[in-house]
Amino acid sequence: MSDVDMDGDDIVWEYESEELHTPVSSEDEGNKYQWPEFNDQYTFGEGRFELGTRFVTIERFKEVVKDIFIAEGRELVWIKNDKERVRIGCKDKECARIAHLSYNRQLQCFQVKTYRNEYTCARDFGSNTTDQHWISKKVEKRMATHPYMTTYETIDFLREDFDLTAHPKMVYRAVNEAKEKMMVVYCFEACKRKFKSGCRPLIHLDGAFLKTYHGGQLLSVIAQDANNQSYVVAFAVARSENKESWKWFLTLLQEDIGDIGNHG
């Protein structure tokens, strides 16, 4: 964790320059410096970056920063927040912590240009940095394996995993928001019975784009009947095809069909 600006003529506090360069020593001359890339494999409260860290998207940086402030019990302030740059600080004006990220055209990624990681304020356990949308994103990931989470189960989840106590009304709205972001699953009773009684115990997974006004992905589970013909067991409409959406779909399908040892 560094709070030192490299090459002071290039890194300043007021956006006079958006470039970040590394001083070249005699030992490093001729070798291209590799800036660190943020490691997405982190647990809540453990996300860390330093001066020069690269981020693929500006949204990812904002997610990480919010996680850090919530975990440390501080109030986050967005000093600058647009499509190409983000500058954040602590709500306490006397606090020295600050970070600035903007797009690096040479590296073609977003990069931390200024970072001072010094807190001079006290923790605020009444901080309102936690909001409905942040909770919704955490709940959405959890729903991949627990699709029927209730408001009170979510409250327990937030308390155990994030050491947070949120208002039940906020949690209720966040749960509904997470459910809306997930998918609609269709598994008709006749299709389910035919799969159990007349299809081979093997399924094929497929995804396709929906070229409609709302877009999204069509996820399908296909089986093979006694005549070696394709048979649609179930399908779902999701916003995107990723690990979470497939896990959500297959978890619901397994619960609906029954014992996976006997049916697939």
C-alpha atoms as a PDB file:
ATOM      1  CA  MET A   1       0.000   0.000   0.000  1.00  0.00           C
ATOM      2  CA  SER A   2       1.716   3.133  -1.183  1.00  0.00           C
ATOM      3  CA  ASP A   3       0.902   6.792  -0.808  1.00  0.00           C
ATOM      4  CA  VAL A   4       3.863   8.136  -2.764  1.00  0.00           C
ATOM      5  CA  ASP A   5       3.249   9.723  -6.180  1.00  0.00           C
ATOM      6  CA  MET A   6       5.738   8.545  -8.796  1.00  0.00           C
ATOM      7  CA  ASP A   7       7.456  11.112 -10.984  1.00  0.00           C
ATOM      8  CA  GLY A   8       6.006  14.172  -9.288  1.00  0.00           C
ATOM      9  CA  ASP A   9       5.804  16.171 -12.530  1.00  0.00           C
ATOM     10  CA  ASP A  10       3.259  13.697 -13.877  1.00  0.00           C
ATOM     11  CA  ILE A  11       1.221  12.764 -10.793  1.00  0.00           C
ATOM     12  CA  VAL A  12      -0.587  15.668  -9.201  1.00  0.00           C
ATOM     13  CA  TRP A  13      -3.672  16.174  -7.103  1.00  0.00           C
ATOM     14  CA  GLU A  14      -5.750  18.369  -9.401  1.00  0.00           C
ATOM     15  CA  TYR A  15      -5.834  16.501 -12.747  1.00  0.00           C
ATOM     16  CA  GLU A  16      -3.145  18.630 -14.406  1.00  0.00           C
ATOM     17  CA  SER A  17      -1.891  15.379 -15.919  1.00  0.00           C
ATOM     18  CA  GLU A  18      -3.526  12.030 -16.517  1.00  0.00           C
ATOM     19  CA  GLU A  19      -0.262  10.195 -17.243  1.00  0.00           C
ATOM     20  CA  LEU A  20       1.626   7.964 -14.850  1.00  0.00           C
ATOM     21  CA  HIS A  21       5.242   7.106 -15.640  1.00  0.00           C
ATOM     22  CA  THR A  22       7.930   5.185 -13.821  1.00  0.00           C
ATOM     23  CA  PRO A  23      11.378   6.679 -13.266  1.00  0.00           C
ATOM     24  CA  VAL A  24      13.854   4.671 -15.327  1.00  0.00           C
ATOM     25  CA  SER A  25      16.993   3.561 -13.515  1.00  0.00           C
ATOM     26  CA  SER A  26      20.156   2.222 -15.141  1.00  0.00           C
ATOM     27  CA  GLU A  27      19.169  -1.304 -14.109  1.00  0.00           C
ATOM     28  CA  ASP A  28      15.646  -1.025 -15.519  1.00  0.00           C
ATOM     29  CA  GLU A  29      16.556   0.787 -18.729  1.00  0.00           C
ATOM     30  CA  GLY A  30      15.448  -1.238 -21.731  1.00  0.00           C
ATOM     31  CA  ASN A  31      12.939  -3.287 -19.725  1.00  0.00           C
ATOM     32  CA  LYS A  32       9.257  -2.374 -19.871  1.00  0.00           C
ATOM     33  CA  TYR A  33       7.798  -1.875 -16.417  1.00  0.00           C
ATOM     34  CA  GLN A  34       4.787  -4.054 -15.604  1.00  0.00           C
ATOM     35  CA  TRP A  35       2.203  -2.265 -13.493  1.00  0.00           C
ATOM     36  CA  PRO A  36       0.310  -4.530 -11.069  1.00  0.00           C
ATOM     37  CA  GLU A  37      -3.164  -5.668 -12.063  1.00  0.00           C
ATOM     38  CA  PHE A  38      -5.894  -5.848  -9.434  1.00  0.00           C
ATOM     39  CA  ASN A  39      -6.572  -9.381  -8.204  1.00  0.00           C
ATOM     40  CA  ASP A  40     -10.321 -10.046  -8.333  1.00  0.00           C
ATOM     41  CA  GLN A  41      -9.990 -13.118  -6.110  1.00  0.00           C
ATOM     42  CA  TYR A  42     -10.437 -11.369  -2.787  1.00  0.00           C
ATOM     43  CA  THR A  43     -12.760 -11.735   0.168  1.00  0.00           C
ATOM     44  CA  PHE A  44     -14.821  -8.897   1.620  1.00  0.00           C
ATOM     45  CA  GLY A  45     -12.623  -6.392   3.417  1.00  0.00           C
ATOM     46  CA  GLU A  46      -9.417  -7.805   1.908  1.00  0.00           C
ATOM     47  CA  GLY A  47      -9.431  -5.995  -1.441  1.00  0.00           C
ATOM     48  CA  ARG A  48      -6.249  -3.957  -1.754  1.00  0.00           C
ATOM     49  CA  PHE A  49      -4.600  -1.872  -4.446  1.00  0.00           C
ATOM     50  CA  GLU A  50      -1.681   0.527  -4.699  1.00  0.00           C
ATOM     51  CA  LEU A  51      -0.439   3.410  -6.802  1.00  0.00           C
ATOM     52  CA  GLY A  52      -0.315   2.292 -10.443  1.00  0.00           C
ATOM     53  CA  THR A  53      -2.688  -0.686 -10.056  1.00  0.00           C
ATOM     54  CA  ARG A  54      -4.577  -1.459 -13.267  1.00  0.00           C
ATOM     55  CA  PHE A  55      -8.330  -2.105 -13.431  1.00  0.00           C
ATOM     56  CA  VAL A  56     -10.167  -3.499 -16.443  1.00  0.00           C
ATOM     57  CA  THR A  57     -13.279  -1.374 -15.836  1.00  0.00           C
ATOM     58  CA  ILE A  58     -14.085   1.720 -13.838  1.00  0.00           C
ATOM     59  CA  GLU A  59     -17.120  -0.060 -12.348  1.00  0.00           C
ATOM     60  CA  ARG A  60     -14.869  -2.702 -10.807  1.00  0.00           C
ATOM     61  CA  PHE A  61     -12.777  -0.040  -9.102  1.00  0.00           C
ATOM     62  CA  LYS A  62     -15.899   1.559  -7.623  1.00  0.00           C
ATOM     63  CA  GLU A  63     -17.122  -1.804  -6.318  1.00  0.00           C
ATOM     64  CA  VAL A  64     -13.771  -2.493  -4.633  1.00  0.00           C
ATOM     65  CA  VAL A  65     -13.595   0.980  -3.084  1.00  0.00           C
ATOM     66  CA  LYS A  66     -17.101   0.672  -1.686  1.00  0.00           C
ATOM     67  CA  ASP A  67     -16.307  -2.748  -0.205  1.00  0.00           C
ATOM     68  CA  ILE A  68     -13.229  -1.311   1.497  1.00  0.00           C
ATOM     69  CA  PHE A  69     -15.059   1.662   3.013  1.00  0.00           C
ATOM     70  CA  ILE A  70     -17.966  -0.471   4.244  1.00  0.00           C
ATOM     71  CA  ALA A  71     -15.624  -3.065   5.761  1.00  0.00           C
ATOM     72  CA  GLU A  72     -13.640  -0.343   7.550  1.00  0.00           C
ATOM     73  CA  GLY A  73     -16.715   1.571   8.720  1.00  0.00           C
ATOM     74  CA  ARG A  74     -15.972   4.829   6.901  1.00  0.00           C
ATOM     75  CA  GLU A  75     -18.155   7.217   4.939  1.00  0.00           C
ATOM     76  CA  LEU A  76     -17.356   7.320   1.222  1.00  0.00           C
ATOM     77  CA  VAL A  77     -17.504  10.538  -0.836  1.00  0.00           C
ATOM     78  CA  TRP A  78     -17.417  10.589  -4.649  1.00  0.00           C
ATOM     79  CA  ILE A  79     -15.419  13.749  -5.396  1.00  0.00           C
ATOM     80  CA  LYS A  80     -15.327  13.026  -9.124  1.00  0.00           C
ATOM     81  CA  ASN A  81     -17.346  10.317 -10.827  1.00  0.00           C
ATOM     82  CA  ASP A  82     -17.743  10.071 -14.602  1.00  0.00           C
ATOM     83  CA  LYS A  83     -17.073   7.604 -17.419  1.00  0.00           C
ATOM     84  CA  GLU A  84     -13.323   8.187 -17.576  1.00  0.00           C
ATOM     85  CA  ARG A  85     -12.221   9.085 -14.066  1.00  0.00           C
ATOM     86  CA  VAL A  86     -13.128   8.555 -10.423  1.00  0.00           C
ATOM     87  CA  ARG A  87     -11.816  10.436  -7.413  1.00  0.00           C
ATOM     88  CA  ILE A  88     -12.878   9.346  -3.936  1.00  0.00           C
ATOM     89  CA  GLY A  89     -12.221  10.453  -0.409  1.00  0.00           C
ATOM     90  CA  CYS A  90     -13.491  10.231   3.147  1.00  0.00           C
ATOM     91  CA  LYS A  91     -16.513  12.270   4.258  1.00  0.00           C
ATOM     92  CA  ASP A  92     -14.453  13.695   7.090  1.00  0.00           C
ATOM     93  CA  LYS A  93     -12.766  16.685   5.426  1.00  0.00           C
ATOM     94  CA  GLU A  94      -9.822  16.379   7.810  1.00  0.00           C
ATOM     95  CA  CYS A  95      -9.139  12.793   6.729  1.00  0.00           C
ATOM     96  CA  ALA A  96      -6.164  12.424   4.386  1.00  0.00           C
ATOM     97  CA  ARG A  97      -7.328   9.319   2.523  1.00  0.00           C
ATOM     98  CA  ILE A  98      -7.873   9.860  -1.191  1.00  0.00           C
ATOM     99  CA  ALA A  99      -7.662   7.908  -4.456  1.00  0.00           C
ATOM    100  CA  HIS A 100      -7.904   8.878  -8.100  1.00  0.00           C
ATOM    101  CA  LEU A 101      -8.350   6.511 -11.056  1.00  0.00           C
ATOM    102  CA  SER A 102      -8.505   7.435 -14.738  1.00  0.00           C
ATOM    103  CA  TYR A 103      -8.024   5.882 -18.147  1.00  0.00           C
ATOM    104  CA  ASN A 104      -4.483   5.235 -19.397  1.00  0.00           C
ATOM    105  CA  ARG A 105      -4.542   5.346 -23.184  1.00  0.00           C
ATOM    106  CA  GLN A 106      -1.107   3.761 -23.534  1.00  0.00           C
ATOM    107  CA  LEU A 107      -2.014   0.727 -21.433  1.00  0.00           C
ATOM    108  CA  GLN A 108      -5.665   0.799 -22.592  1.00  0.00           C
ATOM    109  CA  CYS A 109      -6.994   0.263 -19.109  1.00  0.00           C
ATOM    110  CA  PHE A 110      -7.944   2.231 -16.012  1.00  0.00           C
ATOM    111  CA  GLN A 111      -5.121   2.958 -13.583  1.00  0.00           C
ATOM    112  CA  VAL A 112      -4.776   4.352 -10.068  1.00  0.00           C
ATOM    113  CA  LYS A 113      -2.944   7.654 -10.582  1.00  0.00           C
ATOM    114  CA  THR A 114      -3.092   9.009  -7.016  1.00  0.00           C
ATOM    115  CA  TYR A 115      -3.464   7.059  -3.781  1.00  0.00           C
ATOM    116  CA  ARG A 116      -3.033   8.105  -0.177  1.00  0.00           C
ATOM    117  CA  ASN A 117      -4.026   5.378   2.260  1.00  0.00           C
ATOM    118  CA  GLU A 118      -3.967   7.230   5.564  1.00  0.00           C
ATOM    119  CA  TYR A 119      -6.993   7.485   7.840  1.00  0.00           C
ATOM    120  CA  THR A 120      -7.114  10.348  10.309  1.00  0.00           C
ATOM    121  CA  CYS A 121     -10.789   9.855  11.200  1.00  0.00           C
ATOM    122  CA  ALA A 122     -12.547   7.427  13.538  1.00  0.00           C
ATOM    123  CA  ARG A 123     -14.763   4.537  12.458  1.00  0.00           C
ATOM    124  CA  ASP A 124     -18.404   5.426  11.992  1.00  0.00           C
ATOM    125  CA  PHE A 125     -20.593   2.466  12.887  1.00  0.00           C
ATOM    126  CA  GLY A 126     -23.631   4.469  11.796  1.00  0.00           C
ATOM    127  CA  SER A 127     -22.235   4.951   8.298  1.00  0.00           C
ATOM    128  CA  ASN A 128     -24.806   4.884   5.513  1.00  0.00           C
ATOM    129  CA  THR A 129     -22.363   3.796   2.798  1.00  0.00           C
ATOM    130  CA  THR A 130     -24.257   0.503   2.653  1.00  0.00           C
ATOM    131  CA  ASP A 131     -27.252   0.936   0.370  1.00  0.00           C
ATOM    132  CA  GLN A 132     -29.899  -1.159  -1.346  1.00  0.00           C
ATOM    133  CA  HIS A 133     -27.948  -1.659  -4.579  1.00  0.00           C
ATOM    134  CA  TRP A 134     -24.804  -2.819  -2.768  1.00  0.00           C
ATOM    135  CA  ILE A 135     -26.805  -5.343  -0.737  1.00  0.00           C
ATOM    136  CA  SER A 136     -28.598  -6.481  -3.903  1.00  0.00           C
ATOM    137  CA  LYS A 137     -25.304  -7.370  -5.619  1.00  0.00           C
ATOM    138  CA  LYS A 138     -24.154  -9.434  -2.625  1.00  0.00           C
ATOM    139  CA  VAL A 139     -27.523 -11.176  -2.364  1.00  0.00           C
ATOM    140  CA  GLU A 140     -27.591 -11.901  -6.102  1.00  0.00           C
ATOM    141  CA  LYS A 141     -24.369 -13.913  -5.824  1.00  0.00           C
ATOM    142  CA  ARG A 142     -25.693 -15.739  -2.770  1.00  0.00           C
ATOM    143  CA  MET A 143     -28.918 -16.626  -4.597  1.00  0.00           C
ATOM    144  CA  ALA A 144     -26.928 -18.678  -7.080  1.00  0.00           C
ATOM    145  CA  THR A 145     -26.890 -21.421  -4.421  1.00  0.00           C
ATOM    146  CA  HIS A 146     -29.771 -20.207  -2.192  1.00  0.00           C
ATOM    147  CA  PRO A 147     -32.464 -19.105  -4.668  1.00  0.00           C
ATOM    148  CA  TYR A 148     -35.277 -18.816  -2.122  1.00  0.00           C
ATOM    149  CA  MET A 149     -33.654 -16.466   0.374  1.00  0.00           C
ATOM    150  CA  THR A 150     -36.087 -14.487   2.519  1.00  0.00           C
ATOM    151  CA  THR A 151     -35.601 -11.060   4.048  1.00  0.00           C
ATOM    152  CA  TYR A 152     -34.696 -12.430   7.469  1.00  0.00           C
ATOM    153  CA  GLU A 153     -32.320 -15.012   6.007  1.00  0.00           C
ATOM    154  CA  THR A 154     -30.638 -12.178   4.132  1.00  0.00           C
ATOM    155  CA  ILE A 155     -30.316 -10.147   7.341  1.00  0.00           C
ATOM    156  CA  ASP A 156     -28.563 -13.115   8.970  1.00  0.00           C
ATOM    157  CA  PHE A 157     -26.363 -13.515   5.876  1.00  0.00           C
ATOM    158  CA  LEU A 158     -25.259  -9.863   6.024  1.00  0.00           C
ATOM    159  CA  ARG A 159     -24.554 -10.110   9.748  1.00  0.00           C
ATOM    160  CA  GLU A 160     -22.518 -13.319   9.484  1.00  0.00           C
ATOM    161  CA  ASP A 161     -20.569 -12.616   6.276  1.00  0.00           C
ATOM    162  CA  PHE A 162     -20.168  -8.834   6.401  1.00  0.00           C
ATOM    163  CA  ASP A 163     -20.715  -7.929  10.061  1.00  0.00           C
ATOM    164  CA  LEU A 164     -23.479  -5.543   8.962  1.00  0.00           C
ATOM    165  CA  THR A 165     -26.897  -4.775  10.390  1.00  0.00           C
ATOM    166  CA  ALA A 166     -29.188  -3.249   7.777  1.00  0.00           C
ATOM    167  CA  HIS A 167     -32.760  -2.022   8.133  1.00  0.00           C
ATOM    168  CA  PRO A 168     -35.295  -4.776   7.240  1.00  0.00           C
ATOM    169  CA  LYS A 169     -37.088  -2.519   4.734  1.00  0.00           C
ATOM    170  CA  MET A 170     -33.832  -1.881   2.863  1.00  0.00           C
ATOM    171  CA  VAL A 171     -33.033  -5.596   2.878  1.00  0.00           C
ATOM    172  CA  TYR A 172     -36.534  -6.428   1.613  1.00  0.00           C
ATOM    173  CA  ARG A 173     -36.133  -4.047  -1.340  1.00  0.00           C
ATOM    174  CA  ALA A 174     -32.634  -5.387  -2.035  1.00  0.00           C
ATOM    175  CA  VAL A 175     -33.887  -8.999  -2.109  1.00  0.00           C
ATOM    176  CA  ASN A 176     -36.628  -8.072  -4.582  1.00  0.00           C
ATOM    177  CA  GLU A 177     -34.113  -6.203  -6.730  1.00  0.00           C
ATOM    178  CA  ALA A 178     -31.796  -9.223  -6.760  1.00  0.00           C
ATOM    179  CA  LYS A 179     -34.650 -11.529  -7.783  1.00  0.00           C
ATOM    180  CA  GLU A 180     -35.560  -9.220 -10.670  1.00  0.00           C
ATOM    181  CA  LYS A 181     -31.970  -9.337 -11.915  1.00  0.00           C
ATOM    182  CA  MET A 182     -31.927 -13.086 -11.918  1.00  0.00           C
ATOM    183  CA  MET A 183     -33.929 -15.136 -14.396  1.00  0.00           C
ATOM    184  CA  VAL A 184     -37.250 -16.687 -15.241  1.00  0.00           C
ATOM    185  CA  VAL A 185     -37.106 -20.491 -15.362  1.00  0.00           C
ATOM    186  CA  TYR A 186     -39.598 -22.664 -17.263  1.00  0.00           C
ATOM    187  CA  CYS A 187     -39.894 -26.386 -16.594  1.00  0.00           C
ATOM    188  CA  PHE A 188     -43.313 -27.681 -17.590  1.00  0.00           C
ATOM    189  CA  GLU A 189     -44.734 -30.688 -15.772  1.00  0.00           C
ATOM    190  CA  ALA A 190     -45.185 -32.718 -18.984  1.00  0.00           C
ATOM    191  CA  CYS A 191     -41.554 -32.105 -19.990  1.00  0.00           C
ATOM    192  CA  LYS A 192     -40.375 -33.106 -16.550  1.00  0.00           C
ATOM    193  CA  ARG A 193     -42.344 -36.369 -16.581  1.00  0.00           C
ATOM    194  CA  LYS A 194     -41.113 -37.285 -20.070  1.00  0.00           C
ATOM    195  CA  PHE A 195     -37.501 -36.623 -19.093  1.00  0.00           C
ATOM    196  CA  LYS A 196     -37.800 -38.871 -16.052  1.00  0.00           C
ATOM    197  CA  SER A 197     -39.538 -41.720 -17.844  1.00  0.00           C
ATOM    198  CA  GLY A 198     -38.306 -41.726 -21.439  1.00  0.00           C
ATOM    199  CA  CYS A 199     -35.011 -39.873 -21.836  1.00  0.00           C
ATOM    200  CA  ARG A 200     -31.406 -40.872 -21.410  1.00  0.00           C
ATOM    201  CA  PRO A 201     -29.827 -39.763 -18.101  1.00  0.00           C
ATOM    202  CA  LEU A 202     -27.701 -37.128 -19.835  1.00  0.00           C
ATOM    203  CA  ILE A 203     -28.301 -33.447 -20.457  1.00  0.00           C
ATOM    204  CA  HIS A 204     -26.780 -30.869 -22.780  1.00  0.00           C
ATOM    205  CA  LEU A 205     -26.477 -27.190 -21.826  1.00  0.00           C
ATOM    206  CA  ASP A 206     -26.797 -24.441 -24.391  1.00  0.00           C
ATOM    207  CA  GLY A 207     -27.049 -20.659 -24.419  1.00  0.00           C
ATOM    208  CA  ALA A 208     -28.131 -18.240 -27.136  1.00  0.00           C
ATOM    209  CA  PHE A 209     -28.575 -14.496 -27.528  1.00  0.00           C
ATOM    210  CA  LEU A 210     -32.092 -13.085 -27.512  1.00  0.00           C
ATOM    211  CA  LYS A 211     -32.260 -10.504 -30.315  1.00  0.00           C
ATOM    212  CA  THR A 212     -35.252  -8.684 -28.901  1.00  0.00           C
ATOM    213  CA  TYR A 213     -35.889  -5.233 -27.469  1.00  0.00           C
ATOM    214  CA  HIS A 214     -34.980  -6.340 -23.925  1.00  0.00           C
ATOM    215  CA  GLY A 215     -32.100  -8.616 -24.970  1.00  0.00           C
ATOM    216  CA  GLY A 216     -30.684 -11.220 -22.596  1.00  0.00           C
ATOM    217  CA  GLN A 217     -29.718 -14.868 -22.930  1.00  0.00           C
ATOM    218  CA  LEU A 218     -31.802 -17.983 -23.472  1.00  0.00           C
ATOM    219  CA  LEU A 219     -30.389 -20.888 -21.444  1.00  0.00           C
ATOM    220  CA  SER A 220     -31.579 -24.371 -22.320  1.00  0.00           C
ATOM    221  CA  VAL A 221     -31.297 -27.885 -20.908  1.00  0.00           C
ATOM    222  CA  ILE A 222     -31.632 -30.498 -23.666  1.00  0.00           C
ATOM    223  CA  ALA A 223     -31.963 -34.266 -23.263  1.00  0.00           C
ATOM    224  CA  GLN A 224     -32.139 -37.158 -25.744  1.00  0.00           C
ATOM    225  CA  ASP A 225     -35.170 -39.455 -25.974  1.00  0.00           C
ATOM    226  CA  ALA A 226     -35.366 -43.143 -27.010  1.00  0.00           C
ATOM    227  CA  ASN A 227     -35.461 -42.147 -30.702  1.00  0.00           C
ATOM    228  CA  ASN A 228     -32.244 -40.159 -30.370  1.00  0.00           C
ATOM    229  CA  GLN A 229     -34.197 -36.933 -30.822  1.00  0.00           C
ATOM    230  CA  SER A 230     -33.465 -33.734 -28.916  1.00  0.00           C
ATOM    231  CA  TYR A 231     -35.891 -33.032 -26.106  1.00  0.00           C
ATOM    232  CA  VAL A 232     -36.163 -29.691 -24.277  1.00  0.00           C
ATOM    233  CA  VAL A 233     -36.360 -30.314 -20.534  1.00  0.00           C
ATOM    234  CA  ALA A 234     -36.300 -26.706 -19.340  1.00  0.00           C
ATOM    235  CA  PHE A 235     -35.246 -23.240 -20.405  1.00  0.00           C
ATOM    236  CA  ALA A 236     -34.617 -19.909 -18.744  1.00  0.00           C
ATOM    237  CA  VAL A 237     -34.242 -16.252 -19.663  1.00  0.00           C
ATOM    238  CA  ALA A 238     -31.269 -14.545 -18.013  1.00  0.00           C
ATOM    239  CA  ARG A 239     -29.609 -11.152 -18.354  1.00  0.00           C
ATOM    240  CA  SER A 240     -26.264 -12.768 -19.169  1.00  0.00           C
ATOM    241  CA  GLU A 241     -24.648 -16.182 -19.509  1.00  0.00           C
ATOM    242  CA  ASN A 242     -22.156 -16.635 -16.698  1.00  0.00           C
ATOM    243  CA  LYS A 243     -21.302 -18.944 -13.828  1.00  0.00           C
ATOM    244  CA  GLU A 244     -23.874 -17.409 -11.488  1.00  0.00           C
ATOM    245  CA  SER A 245     -26.776 -17.632 -13.950  1.00  0.00           C
ATOM    246  CA  TRP A 246     -26.032 -21.271 -14.839  1.00  0.00           C
ATOM    247  CA  LYS A 247     -25.654 -22.204 -11.181  1.00  0.00           C
ATOM    248  CA  TRP A 248     -28.981 -20.546 -10.400  1.00  0.00           C
ATOM    249  CA  PHE A 249     -30.706 -22.320 -13.298  1.00  0.00           C
ATOM    250  CA  LEU A 250     -29.324 -25.790 -12.569  1.00  0.00           C
ATOM    251  CA  THR A 251     -29.972 -25.482  -8.834  1.00  0.00           C
ATOM    252  CA  LEU A 252     -33.657 -24.759  -9.470  1.00  0.00           C
ATOM    253  CA  LEU A 253     -33.833 -27.530 -12.086  1.00  0.00           C
ATOM    254  CA  GLN A 254     -32.339 -30.083  -9.718  1.00  0.00           C
ATOM    255  CA  GLU A 255     -34.812 -29.136  -6.996  1.00  0.00           C
ATOM    256  CA  ASP A 256     -37.708 -29.425  -9.469  1.00  0.00           C
ATOM    257  CA  ILE A 257     -36.687 -32.736 -11.083  1.00  0.00           C
ATOM    258  CA  GLY A 258     -35.561 -34.475  -7.933  1.00  0.00           C
ATOM    259  CA  ASP A 259     -32.699 -36.822  -7.125  1.00  0.00           C
ATOM    260  CA  ILE A 260     -29.867 -36.071  -9.499  1.00  0.00           C
ATOM    261  CA  GLY A 261     -28.522 -39.595  -8.974  1.00  0.00           C
ATOM    262  CA  ASN A 262     -31.613 -41.039 -10.625  1.00  0.00           C
ATOM    263  CA  HIS A 263     -32.283 -38.380 -13.247  1.00  0.00           C
ATOM    264  CA  GLY A 264     -29.043 -37.160 -14.806  1.00  0.00           C
END
